[in-house]
Amino acid sequence: MLRQVTLEDIRPIAIGAGILGTGGGGNPYLGGLHLASIIRERGPQTIIDPFDLADDDLCCVVGSIGAPTVSIEKLPEGTEMMRALRLLEEHIGRRFDAVAIAEIGGANSMQPLIGGLQAGIPTVDSDSMGRAFPEIQMSSFLFDTSATAAPLAMVDAADKAAVVPAAVSDVWAEKIARNIAVSMGARAGLAGTIMTGAQVKAAGVHYTLSLAHHLGAQVIEAQAQKSDVPPVIADVLDGQVIFRGKIADVERRTTKGFARGGIRIDSFSNKDRLEIEFQNEFLIAYINGEAAATTPDLICIVTEEEGEPVTTEVLRYGTRVAVISVPAPPQLKSDAALEVVGPGAFGYDVEFCPLPGGVIGRRLGD
């Protein structure tokens, strides 16, 4: 597993996390530029194994909240993660020992590295999704532990800040935080979901930062060898390439703090059609009208030749792409989890049929 993140590690993490983000999590290229600037200033960020945490260590997650479409136009000030972290510490009256990753997707895989480095504490190689999801309560840290989304702290790129000390439920915490984020211009830094080390170890989807790095490194190697990259990605993630074609239509809108919409991809032969609907992340894929993959399993879009991730905010007509379905980690497949992240949670009257296998959440080599 990774023990530190250096400048050389940023590109593979950006590629791997961009793919695992299933379209969301923020633009990985811009996130990589931000992380690189902080590492040049402060040096590498320390990464710790979740099982090296003491049971009574105190952790929280940090990341950006808002619409990915906004993140490519409204750039961060640069210290939002640290300021949200310090604001939450001030509220609870204690310093955090480490930062965990809310979602391994896109730029949000890098925000805990940035925030941890600026705050002088390590980042845990564990997240709560093994992918990205659009809402705070969609977190394995919250499914089966006593941890709660609130208290949480939020800041924007200027001088606006807020602390939500409590909420009647994690869903209500999401609603409050989303409205605050909209008031902050649909992009804000957030720190929340306070946990002990024991809770992180029990509930996290572990080693996903290392997985993102490994996946990105395999993509870079396949590009250098001029290999067919999408099958390489599928092989690393125990998934399968389910479609190849050209983006024929994109319908996208930013509303209520989310990027929502859908795309149509026509096969190169024009005989088959794939349609995907998204809310920040790709949620359901239909091939010729039949559901082929659904949340919480991952639906990943990459460029057809290079295997580079295609996130929701950069979907463009005419792009040649491959679509890969990937088994979700087991933490997302329990009955309690499916109530929150299954197809029904997003309004789809489709039964979740889990893809077999899966490597997300396993230590590399296990």
Foldseek 3Di string as FASTA:
>chain_A
DDFKDALVLLQLLQQLQQQLQQQFQAAQVLLSVLLNVLCVVQNIAGEDELVVADQFAKEWEKGKFFANLVPVVDPALRQQRQVQQVVVCVVVVHHGQEYEQAASHHSSVRSSRSNCRVVVHHYYQWYFWSYDDRFNCLGLLNLPDPWAFPQKKKDGRPGDIDTDHDDPHNVRVRLVVLVVCVVRVRIIMMIGRMHGSSSCVVGTLGNSSVLSSVLSVQLVVCVVVQHQRPVSSCVSWVWDFDAWFFWADWDWDGDSRWIWTKTKGAHPVNPKIKIFTDTSRTAWIDIRRHTDAGPPWRKWKAQRRRRGGNHNSRDDGGGTIIIITGFTDPSCVDPSNCCCINPVVVPDPDDHDTDPDGDGSPDPPD
